[in-house]
C-alpha cells in the first residue's frame, strides 16, 4: 500500500533520488564506458546527438525544497546529456488516472508507481519493457531483487526500484518496563502478541496494548500481514486469470486473531484509525505496539514525539506458530518509463531516473541529512530495504558512511534477520484492501460475527466483482 500520510512519506523520502549535491558529477552508466575518476563507476554511453525531449515527474509548486533539488539534478544531468530537453510535470501517479493519462498521451516520460500495480501496468502496456536497457546497464546485478520483483512480469522488467518498506511492529519498551512486563522474544507468535498486549494494556490510563489500523484501506493492508504469516495469500494469478484465495484456513486464522484482539479489549476503544492516527497514538504513549512500514513509527516517535531511541524496538510480524515465518508486506514504488516514449526517449528517461544511483551523490546527500538532523538534535532512521543489495560494494560504502554518526538509529540484527518480506497483492490491491477493511470493521463491531461467512462473502465478492473483470495479457 502506498503510504498517504505525511508521516509515512518521511520514511520513503530517504530513497527518493532527488536530492543530489550541486557540484557533484554523476557517474552511472553502461559497462562499456571508461571508469569515472571520482567513484570508479563506469559512465553511461551518450544518448544520440539529436535532441531528445523528456518530461519528468516533479513535486507540486508548494514543494519548493524538493523541486529546488530537482533543478540541481537537471543542471548536473544536462552537463552530461546536453541534447536532452527536460520538461516538468507535477502529475502524481494514481491507479485510477493512469488509463486516461495513457489514452490522452499526457503521461510523463517517467513516473513513480506503486509496487502493487506492477503487473497491472505491464498487462495493460502502460509501462515500457526495459529488459534490454537493464541488460546493458552495469549495475543491474546490484539492484535489490526483492524490490525489483514487483515489476518483473513473465521474465521481463518493467520498473527500476526506488522506495521500499517491509511491515514491522514497533514496541514502546518504556511502557513494558513501567508495567514490569518482560519484552516478548523476536521470534514471537500471534499468541505472544496478544499476551504481551494484555499484560501492558491499561484502559484507565488510555493505553492500548496494540494499535491496529481499522479505517480505510489501511485496515486491509495491516491485516494482510497476519494473513501472510498464517501461511495464506490474497490472490493467485495464473494463466491470465486472477483468483481470490482468502477463503482458506489461513484466512480464517488471521481473522480469528483480530477477533481475539477485540475480545481481549487490547485495541483502542476508538479503533477507527488510519495510518497517521495509529502512529500518532503510539507517539503520544497511547499504544504499546503499532504496525507500520519499516522504521516509520520509530522516526515519528523520536523526531516528532520526543521519545528516546533506547525506549523503542522494532519487531518482525509474529508468526502464526513457533518456528513459522515472520512475513511482512513488502511495498513501496518503482520508477516506470512510458511505453509511449520513443526508444531514444526511453533510454534518456532511464538515464535520468538512475542518474544518481550507485555513486557518491546519494551518499553525500544521506550524510548531509544525518548532519542536519544532528544539528537540531534529531535522529536519522535508515531504511531496512534499499534499491541496492546490502552486500554490494555500494551498500557497504553507504553502511560505512552511516556508521560514523551517533545520531543514527540502529536496528537489532537479530530482529532484522527474521523479517521475511512478501510483495503486496499485485492485481487490484487497493480494492482488495478496501473490501477487507469492511470485514475487519465487522469483526471489531459485531461480537457475534460469523467469521467463516464473512470470509467466504468477501472472497466471492472480490472474485465476481473485481477479479473476473480483470484481463491479463499473456
Protein backbone atom coordinates (compact mmCIF):
# COMPACT_ATOMS: atom_id res chain seq x y z
CA UNK A 1 0.00 0.00 0.00
CA UNK A 2 1.30 3.45 -0.87
CA UNK A 3 1.61 5.44 2.35
CA UNK A 4 -0.55 8.53 2.01
CA UNK A 5 0.09 10.44 5.23
CA UNK A 6 2.93 12.90 5.65
CA UNK A 7 4.30 10.71 8.43
CA UNK A 8 4.56 7.84 6.02
CA UNK A 9 6.21 9.95 3.37
CA UNK A 10 9.14 10.65 5.69
CA UNK A 11 10.35 7.07 5.72
CA UNK A 12 10.16 6.86 1.97
CA UNK A 13 11.96 10.15 1.40
CA UNK A 14 15.36 8.65 2.18
CA UNK A 15 15.24 6.64 -1.03
CA UNK A 16 13.90 9.22 -3.47
CA UNK A 17 16.71 10.09 -5.81
CA UNK A 18 16.02 13.80 -5.90
CA UNK A 19 18.46 15.45 -3.62
CA UNK A 20 21.89 15.43 -5.20
CA UNK A 21 24.71 17.79 -4.35
CA UNK A 22 25.18 20.83 -6.57
CA UNK A 23 28.76 20.32 -7.65
CA UNK A 24 28.96 16.52 -7.73
CA UNK A 25 29.38 14.84 -11.09
CA UNK A 26 27.10 11.81 -11.69
CA UNK A 27 28.69 8.55 -12.72
CA UNK A 28 26.11 5.96 -13.71
CA UNK A 29 26.27 4.07 -16.96
CA UNK A 30 26.96 1.02 -19.08
CA UNK A 31 29.78 -1.46 -18.69
CA UNK A 32 31.41 -0.41 -21.94
CA UNK A 33 32.36 3.06 -20.74
CA UNK A 34 35.57 4.23 -19.16
CA UNK A 35 35.77 4.41 -15.36
CA UNK A 36 34.94 7.65 -13.60
CA UNK A 37 37.79 9.41 -11.88
CA UNK A 38 35.62 10.25 -8.88
CA UNK A 39 33.98 6.94 -8.00
CA UNK A 40 35.43 4.24 -10.21
CA UNK A 41 31.99 3.57 -11.69
CA UNK A 42 31.51 3.46 -15.43
CA UNK A 43 29.53 6.22 -17.11
CA UNK A 44 26.53 5.85 -19.38
CA UNK A 45 27.17 5.96 -23.11
CA UNK A 46 25.91 9.29 -24.51
CA UNK A 47 22.41 9.27 -25.92
CA UNK A 48 22.15 10.10 -29.64
CA UNK A 49 23.30 13.58 -30.64
CA UNK A 50 19.83 14.60 -31.86
CA UNK A 51 17.63 16.44 -29.43
CA UNK A 52 15.54 14.25 -27.14
CA UNK A 53 12.58 15.63 -25.22
CA UNK A 54 11.99 14.24 -21.74
CA UNK A 55 9.10 15.05 -19.39
CA UNK A 56 9.96 14.28 -15.78
CA UNK A 57 7.84 13.96 -12.67
CA UNK A 58 8.27 16.78 -10.15
CA UNK A 59 6.53 17.81 -6.96
CA UNK A 60 3.64 20.31 -6.79
CA UNK A 61 4.55 24.02 -6.61
CA UNK A 62 4.46 24.09 -2.80
CA UNK A 63 7.27 21.51 -2.62
CA UNK A 64 9.88 24.23 -3.03
CA UNK A 65 12.79 22.41 -1.38
CA UNK A 66 12.15 19.17 -3.25
CA UNK A 67 11.81 20.96 -6.58
CA UNK A 68 14.94 23.03 -5.96
CA UNK A 69 16.88 19.78 -5.60
CA UNK A 70 15.37 18.51 -8.84
CA UNK A 71 16.57 21.69 -10.56
CA UNK A 72 20.09 20.98 -9.30
CA UNK A 73 19.85 17.46 -10.65
CA UNK A 74 18.64 18.77 -14.03
CA UNK A 75 21.66 21.07 -14.23
CA UNK A 76 24.04 18.20 -13.49
CA UNK A 77 22.21 15.90 -15.89
CA UNK A 78 22.37 18.41 -18.75
CA UNK A 79 26.12 18.81 -18.26
CA UNK A 80 26.43 15.20 -19.29
CA UNK A 81 23.42 15.00 -21.64
CA UNK A 82 23.15 18.46 -23.26
CA UNK A 83 20.97 17.06 -26.05
CA UNK A 84 18.14 16.13 -23.65
CA UNK A 85 15.49 18.82 -23.29
CA UNK A 86 13.77 18.38 -19.93
CA UNK A 87 10.23 19.45 -19.23
CA UNK A 88 8.45 19.22 -15.86
CA UNK A 89 5.03 17.87 -14.92
CA UNK A 90 3.68 17.60 -11.37
CA UNK A 91 1.08 14.89 -12.03
CA UNK A 92 1.43 12.24 -9.34
CA UNK A 93 0.63 8.66 -10.23
CA UNK A 94 -2.81 7.36 -9.29
CA UNK A 95 -4.02 3.95 -10.39
CA UNK A 96 -7.46 5.42 -11.18
CA UNK A 97 -5.98 8.01 -13.54
CA UNK A 98 -3.21 6.21 -15.40
CA UNK A 99 -5.51 4.79 -18.10
CA UNK A 100 -6.79 8.26 -19.01
CA UNK A 101 -3.26 9.68 -18.97
CA UNK A 102 -2.09 6.98 -21.38
CA UNK A 103 -5.10 7.36 -23.66
CA UNK A 104 -4.61 11.12 -23.85
CA UNK A 105 -0.84 10.68 -24.25
CA UNK A 106 -0.19 13.18 -21.45
CA UNK A 107 1.75 10.94 -19.07
CA UNK A 108 5.34 11.86 -18.19
CA UNK A 109 8.26 10.05 -19.79
CA UNK A 110 8.95 8.57 -16.35
CA UNK A 111 6.90 8.37 -13.17
CA UNK A 112 6.89 6.60 -9.84
CA UNK A 113 4.21 3.90 -9.43
CA UNK A 114 3.07 1.71 -6.55
CA UNK A 115 4.57 -1.75 -6.16
CA UNK A 116 1.02 -3.15 -6.11
CA UNK A 117 0.47 -2.01 -9.70
CA UNK A 118 3.49 -3.56 -11.41
CA UNK A 119 1.64 -6.43 -13.07
CA UNK A 120 -1.37 -4.26 -13.88
CA UNK A 121 0.76 -1.65 -15.64
CA UNK A 122 2.62 -4.32 -17.57
CA UNK A 123 -0.51 -6.21 -18.62
CA UNK A 124 -2.17 -3.02 -19.90
CA UNK A 125 1.04 -2.00 -21.66
CA UNK A 126 1.18 1.15 -19.55
CA UNK A 127 4.83 0.52 -18.65
CA UNK A 128 7.70 0.13 -21.08
CA UNK A 129 9.60 -3.15 -21.21
CA UNK A 130 13.10 -2.05 -20.14
CA UNK A 131 14.66 -5.52 -20.09
CA UNK A 132 17.13 -4.66 -22.85
CA UNK A 133 18.10 -1.36 -21.23
CA UNK A 134 18.73 -3.08 -17.90
CA UNK A 135 20.74 -5.84 -19.57
CA UNK A 136 23.24 -3.24 -20.79
CA UNK A 137 23.48 -1.36 -17.50
CA UNK A 138 26.49 -2.21 -15.38
CA UNK A 139 24.64 -2.01 -12.04
CA UNK A 140 21.67 -4.27 -12.76
CA UNK A 141 23.05 -7.18 -10.74
CA UNK A 142 23.50 -4.86 -7.75
CA UNK A 143 19.80 -3.94 -7.63
CA UNK A 144 17.72 -5.38 -4.80
CA UNK A 145 15.98 -8.35 -6.41
CA UNK A 146 13.21 -8.41 -3.81
CA UNK A 147 12.13 -4.89 -4.76
CA UNK A 148 12.79 -5.47 -8.45
CA UNK A 149 10.47 -8.49 -8.46
CA UNK A 150 7.34 -6.33 -8.11
CA UNK A 151 7.89 -5.09 -11.67
CA UNK A 152 9.08 -8.33 -13.26
CA UNK A 153 6.33 -9.94 -15.32
CA UNK A 154 6.83 -13.08 -17.39
CA UNK A 155 10.58 -12.65 -17.06
CA UNK A 156 10.58 -9.07 -18.35
CA UNK A 157 11.45 -5.92 -16.40
CA UNK A 158 9.04 -3.00 -16.25
CA UNK A 159 10.44 -0.86 -13.44
CA UNK A 160 13.51 0.44 -11.65
CA UNK A 161 13.50 0.01 -7.84
CA UNK A 162 13.00 3.23 -5.91
CA UNK A 163 11.38 3.15 -2.46
CA UNK A 164 10.55 0.06 -0.43
CA UNK A 165 9.40 -0.95 3.01
CA UNK A 166 8.70 -4.14 4.90
CA UNK A 167 5.97 -4.10 7.54
CA UNK A 168 7.15 -4.39 11.14
CA UNK A 169 5.79 -3.86 14.65
CA UNK A 170 7.27 -1.16 16.84
CA UNK A 171 7.20 -1.59 20.61
CA UNK A 172 7.33 1.10 23.29
CA UNK A 173 9.79 -0.57 25.66
CA UNK A 174 9.20 2.05 28.36
CA UNK A 175 5.54 1.04 28.72
CA UNK A 176 6.63 -2.57 29.19
CA UNK A 177 9.27 -1.54 31.73
CA UNK A 178 6.89 0.66 33.69
CA UNK A 179 4.43 -2.24 33.87
CA UNK A 180 7.13 -4.68 34.90
CA UNK A 181 6.44 -6.80 31.83
CA UNK A 182 9.23 -8.62 30.01
CA UNK A 183 9.57 -7.94 26.32
CA UNK A 184 8.43 -10.77 24.04
CA UNK A 185 11.11 -12.63 22.05
CA UNK A 186 11.75 -11.51 18.47
CA UNK A 187 10.74 -14.99 17.34
CA UNK A 188 7.22 -14.42 18.64
CA UNK A 189 3.79 -15.73 17.66
CA UNK A 190 0.25 -14.42 17.31
CA UNK A 191 -0.45 -15.63 20.85
CA UNK A 192 2.70 -13.96 22.18
CA UNK A 193 1.50 -10.64 20.76
CA UNK A 194 -1.93 -10.99 22.37
CA UNK A 195 -0.43 -11.99 25.73
CA UNK A 196 2.00 -9.07 25.64
CA UNK A 197 -0.82 -6.69 24.69
CA UNK A 198 -2.92 -7.96 27.61
CA UNK A 199 -0.03 -7.50 30.05
CA UNK A 200 0.58 -3.84 29.20
CA UNK A 201 -2.96 -2.83 28.32
CA UNK A 202 -4.24 -0.09 30.64
CA UNK A 203 -7.58 1.41 29.52
CA UNK A 204 -7.80 3.52 32.69
CA UNK A 205 -4.70 5.40 31.56
CA UNK A 206 -5.77 5.40 27.92
CA UNK A 207 -3.06 2.92 26.89
CA UNK A 208 -3.96 0.21 24.37
CA UNK A 209 -1.81 -2.91 24.23
CA UNK A 210 -1.86 -2.95 20.43
CA UNK A 211 -2.93 -0.33 17.89
CA UNK A 212 -4.14 -1.80 14.58
CA UNK A 213 -5.46 0.37 11.78
CA UNK A 214 -9.21 -0.01 11.39
CA UNK A 215 -10.16 2.76 8.97
CA UNK A 216 -9.82 2.93 5.21
CA UNK A 217 -7.67 0.70 3.06
CA UNK A 218 -5.03 0.75 5.77
CA UNK A 219 -7.15 -1.73 7.74
CA UNK A 220 -6.98 -4.36 4.99
CA UNK A 221 -3.31 -3.59 4.43
CA UNK A 222 -2.48 -4.14 8.12
CA UNK A 223 -4.46 -7.39 8.31
CA UNK A 224 -2.72 -8.83 5.25
CA UNK A 225 0.48 -9.20 7.28
CA UNK A 226 -1.24 -11.73 9.52
CA UNK A 227 -2.78 -13.47 6.52
CA UNK A 228 0.71 -13.93 5.07
CA UNK A 229 2.25 -15.08 8.36
CA UNK A 230 -0.58 -17.59 8.82
CA UNK A 231 0.51 -19.12 5.52
CA UNK A 232 -2.10 -17.52 3.28
CA UNK A 233 -2.26 -15.28 0.24
CA UNK A 234 -4.78 -12.75 -1.02
CA UNK A 235 -4.89 -13.92 -4.62
CA UNK A 236 -3.38 -16.18 -7.23
CA UNK A 237 -2.53 -15.11 -10.77
CA UNK A 238 -2.28 -17.99 -13.22
CA UNK A 239 -2.91 -18.46 -16.96
CA UNK A 240 -4.21 -14.91 -17.28
CA UNK A 241 -6.78 -15.39 -14.52
CA UNK A 242 -6.89 -13.83 -11.05
CA UNK A 243 -8.36 -16.00 -8.30
CA UNK A 244 -9.19 -14.85 -4.77
CA UNK A 245 -7.55 -17.12 -2.18
CA UNK A 246 -8.92 -15.58 1.01
CA UNK A 247 -11.41 -18.29 1.92
CA UNK A 248 -8.85 -20.68 3.40
CA UNK A 249 -7.74 -21.94 6.81
CA UNK A 250 -5.01 -19.29 6.80
CA UNK A 251 -7.51 -16.54 6.10
CA UNK A 252 -9.70 -17.77 8.95
CA UNK A 253 -6.72 -17.93 11.34
CA UNK A 254 -5.82 -14.31 10.56
CA UNK A 255 -9.42 -13.18 11.03
CA UNK A 256 -9.72 -15.12 14.29
CA UNK A 257 -6.61 -13.32 15.52
CA UNK A 258 -8.31 -9.96 15.00
CA UNK A 259 -11.41 -11.25 16.82
CA UNK A 260 -9.20 -12.24 19.77
CA UNK A 261 -7.67 -8.75 19.84
CA UNK A 262 -11.13 -7.22 20.07
CA UNK A 263 -12.43 -9.74 22.61
CA UNK A 264 -9.35 -9.14 24.80
CA UNK A 265 -10.09 -5.41 24.73
CA UNK A 266 -6.44 -4.61 23.94
CA UNK A 267 -7.10 -2.30 20.99
CA UNK A 268 -8.14 1.37 21.34
CA UNK A 269 -11.76 1.97 22.23
CA UNK A 270 -11.85 4.17 19.14
CA UNK A 271 -10.27 1.64 16.80
CA UNK A 272 -11.27 3.50 13.60
CA UNK A 273 -7.76 4.76 12.97
CA UNK A 274 -5.97 5.49 9.72
CA UNK A 275 -2.21 5.40 9.29
CA UNK A 276 -1.44 8.80 10.76
CA UNK A 277 -3.96 8.28 13.59
CA UNK A 278 -2.37 4.99 14.66
CA UNK A 279 1.18 6.36 14.55
CA UNK A 280 0.10 9.45 16.50
CA UNK A 281 -1.50 7.24 19.18
CA UNK A 282 1.78 5.38 19.54
CA UNK A 283 3.88 8.56 19.59
CA UNK A 284 1.84 10.04 22.42
CA UNK A 285 2.06 6.94 24.59
CA UNK A 286 -1.50 5.77 23.97
CA UNK A 287 -0.37 2.49 22.45
CA UNK A 288 2.30 -0.02 23.45
CA UNK A 289 2.64 -1.56 19.98
CA UNK A 290 1.84 -0.39 16.46
CA UNK A 291 2.34 -1.86 12.98
CA UNK A 292 3.90 0.32 10.28
CA UNK A 293 6.25 0.19 7.33
CA UNK A 294 9.86 -0.42 8.37
CA UNK A 295 11.04 2.26 10.83
CA UNK A 296 8.30 4.82 10.27
CA UNK A 297 6.93 4.60 13.79
CA UNK A 298 10.43 4.95 15.20
CA UNK A 299 11.13 8.03 13.10
CA UNK A 300 7.90 9.68 14.15
CA UNK A 301 8.20 8.67 17.81
CA UNK A 302 11.74 10.04 18.17
CA UNK A 303 11.74 13.08 15.92
CA UNK A 304 8.10 14.10 16.32
CA UNK A 305 7.11 12.57 19.66
CA UNK A 306 10.30 13.24 21.62
CA UNK A 307 10.78 9.60 22.64
CA UNK A 308 14.23 8.13 23.27
CA UNK A 309 15.73 5.63 20.85
CA UNK A 310 16.52 3.22 23.70
CA UNK A 311 12.81 3.08 24.57
CA UNK A 312 11.86 1.68 21.17
CA UNK A 313 12.29 -1.67 19.45
CA UNK A 314 11.34 -2.91 16.01
CA UNK A 315 9.98 -6.45 15.76
CA UNK A 316 9.12 -8.66 12.80
CA UNK A 317 5.46 -9.55 12.22
CA UNK A 318 4.76 -12.50 14.55
CA UNK A 319 4.47 -15.99 13.08
CA UNK A 320 1.28 -17.96 13.49
CA UNK A 321 3.07 -20.66 15.47
CA UNK A 322 6.53 -21.12 16.91
CA UNK A 323 9.10 -21.72 14.22
CA UNK A 324 6.90 -20.26 11.48
CA UNK A 325 7.77 -17.44 9.11
CA UNK A 326 7.53 -13.79 10.10
CA UNK A 327 6.12 -12.42 6.86
CA UNK A 328 5.59 -8.70 6.46
CA UNK A 329 4.01 -6.98 3.48
CA UNK A 330 6.57 -5.57 1.07
CA UNK A 331 5.51 -2.33 -0.58
CA UNK A 332 6.77 0.95 -1.96
CA UNK A 333 7.19 2.12 -5.53
CA UNK A 334 9.42 1.93 -8.57
CA UNK A 335 10.20 4.17 -11.49
CA UNK A 336 8.27 3.34 -14.64
CA UNK A 337 9.13 4.52 -18.14
CA UNK A 338 6.32 5.39 -20.51
CA UNK A 339 5.76 2.95 -23.38
CA UNK A 340 4.59 5.94 -25.45
CA UNK A 341 8.14 7.31 -25.47
CA UNK A 342 10.46 6.58 -28.40
CA UNK A 343 13.42 4.24 -27.82
CA UNK A 344 15.71 7.28 -27.54
CA UNK A 345 13.36 8.90 -25.03
CA UNK A 346 13.10 5.68 -23.02
CA UNK A 347 16.88 5.50 -22.77
CA UNK A 348 17.04 9.15 -21.72
CA UNK A 349 14.33 8.53 -19.10
CA UNK A 350 16.29 5.58 -17.74
CA UNK A 351 19.45 7.69 -17.64
CA UNK A 352 17.51 10.32 -15.70
CA UNK A 353 15.97 8.06 -13.05
CA UNK A 354 19.25 6.20 -12.43
CA UNK A 355 21.46 9.28 -12.71
CA UNK A 356 22.45 9.31 -9.03
CA UNK A 357 22.31 5.56 -8.47
CA UNK A 358 25.44 3.82 -7.23
CA UNK A 359 27.62 6.90 -6.94
CA UNK A 360 28.72 9.33 -4.27
CA UNK A 361 25.92 11.83 -4.87
CA UNK A 362 23.35 9.93 -2.84
CA UNK A 363 25.89 9.02 -0.15
CA UNK A 364 26.73 12.71 0.18
CA UNK A 365 23.04 13.56 0.41
CA UNK A 366 22.43 11.00 3.16
CA UNK A 367 25.47 12.20 5.08
CA UNK A 368 24.25 15.80 4.80
CA UNK A 369 20.82 14.74 6.09
CA UNK A 370 22.39 12.97 9.07
CA UNK A 371 24.43 16.07 9.92
CA UNK A 372 21.41 18.35 9.54
CA UNK A 373 19.37 16.16 11.91
CA UNK A 374 22.20 16.15 14.44
CA UNK A 375 22.22 19.96 14.49
CA UNK A 376 18.57 20.00 15.56
CA UNK A 377 19.00 17.04 17.93
CA UNK A 378 17.12 14.55 15.78
CA UNK A 379 17.96 11.02 14.72
CA UNK A 380 18.38 9.67 11.23
CA UNK A 381 16.41 6.48 10.65
CA UNK A 382 17.97 4.41 7.85
CA UNK A 383 15.85 2.20 5.64
CA UNK A 384 15.59 -1.50 6.20
CA UNK A 385 15.42 -2.01 2.43
CA UNK A 386 17.13 -0.05 -0.33
CA UNK A 387 17.32 -0.14 -4.12
CA UNK A 388 20.77 -1.69 -3.80
CA UNK A 389 21.84 -5.04 -2.38
CA UNK A 390 23.17 -4.57 1.13
CA UNK A 391 26.22 -6.73 0.44
CA UNK A 392 27.19 -4.81 -2.71
CA UNK A 393 30.23 -2.54 -2.74
CA UNK A 394 27.91 0.45 -2.78
CA UNK A 395 25.82 -0.95 0.06
CA UNK A 396 28.92 -1.45 2.18
CA UNK A 397 30.14 2.06 1.39
CA UNK A 398 26.79 3.55 2.40
CA UNK A 399 26.77 1.49 5.60
CA UNK A 400 30.30 2.61 6.48
CA UNK A 401 29.31 6.25 5.98
CA UNK A 402 26.22 5.96 8.16
CA UNK A 403 28.15 4.11 10.88
CA UNK A 404 30.33 7.17 11.50
CA UNK A 405 27.49 9.04 13.23
CA UNK A 406 25.97 8.58 16.67
CA UNK A 407 22.54 10.01 15.78
CA UNK A 408 21.62 7.06 13.56
CA UNK A 409 19.04 4.56 14.79
CA UNK A 410 20.42 1.03 14.85
CA UNK A 411 18.12 -1.90 14.11
CA UNK A 412 18.76 -5.06 16.08
CA UNK A 413 20.29 -7.61 13.72
CA UNK A 414 18.50 -10.48 15.49
CA UNK A 415 15.15 -8.88 14.68
CA UNK A 416 16.04 -7.92 11.12
CA UNK A 417 17.17 -11.41 10.14
CA UNK A 418 13.69 -12.76 10.96
CA UNK A 419 11.86 -10.32 8.68
CA UNK A 420 10.53 -12.09 5.60
CA UNK A 421 9.08 -9.58 3.13
CA UNK A 422 6.42 -10.68 0.64
CA UNK A 423 5.03 -8.38 -2.08
CA UNK A 424 1.58 -6.86 -1.80
CA UNK A 425 -1.22 -8.35 -3.90
CA UNK A 426 -0.38 -7.42 -7.47
CA UNK A 427 -3.84 -7.10 -9.03
CA UNK A 428 -6.36 -4.51 -7.82
CA UNK A 429 -4.70 -4.39 -4.41
CA UNK A 430 -6.48 -1.24 -3.28
CA UNK A 431 -9.91 -2.73 -3.99
CA UNK A 432 -8.90 -5.84 -2.06
CA UNK A 433 -7.70 -3.72 0.89
CA UNK A 434 -10.94 -1.77 0.88
CA UNK A 435 -13.14 -4.87 0.90
CA UNK A 436 -11.10 -6.44 3.69
CA UNK A 437 -11.40 -3.21 5.68
CA UNK A 438 -15.18 -3.69 5.65
CA UNK A 439 -14.77 -7.20 7.05
CA UNK A 440 -12.37 -6.05 9.77
CA UNK A 441 -14.82 -3.36 10.83
CA UNK A 442 -17.49 -6.03 11.20
CA UNK A 443 -15.14 -8.05 13.40
CA UNK A 444 -14.47 -5.01 15.59
CA UNK A 445 -18.15 -4.04 15.93
CA UNK A 446 -20.16 -7.28 15.94
CA UNK A 447 -19.24 -9.69 18.74
CA UNK A 448 -21.41 -12.36 17.08
CA UNK A 449 -19.91 -12.02 13.61
CA UNK A 450 -19.70 -15.28 11.67
CA UNK A 451 -16.05 -15.24 10.62
CA UNK A 452 -16.34 -18.10 8.13
CA UNK A 453 -19.29 -16.47 6.38
CA UNK A 454 -17.65 -13.04 6.37
CA UNK A 455 -14.54 -14.53 4.78
CA UNK A 456 -16.50 -16.53 2.21
CA UNK A 457 -18.59 -13.49 1.31
CA UNK A 458 -15.63 -11.16 0.73
CA UNK A 459 -13.82 -13.87 -1.20
CA UNK A 460 -16.82 -14.28 -3.52
CA UNK A 461 -17.38 -10.54 -3.89
CA UNK A 462 -13.78 -9.87 -4.87
CA UNK A 463 -13.89 -12.73 -7.36
CA UNK A 464 -17.10 -11.78 -9.14
CA UNK A 465 -16.99 -8.00 -8.88
CA UNK A 466 -13.27 -7.41 -9.31
CA UNK A 467 -11.05 -10.29 -10.40
CA UNK A 468 -13.34 -11.84 -13.01
CA UNK A 469 -13.33 -8.49 -14.83
CA UNK A 470 -9.54 -8.33 -14.99
CA UNK A 471 -7.86 -9.23 -18.27
CA UNK A 472 -4.18 -10.06 -18.16
CA UNK A 473 -2.21 -10.29 -21.37
CA UNK A 474 -0.04 -13.40 -21.57
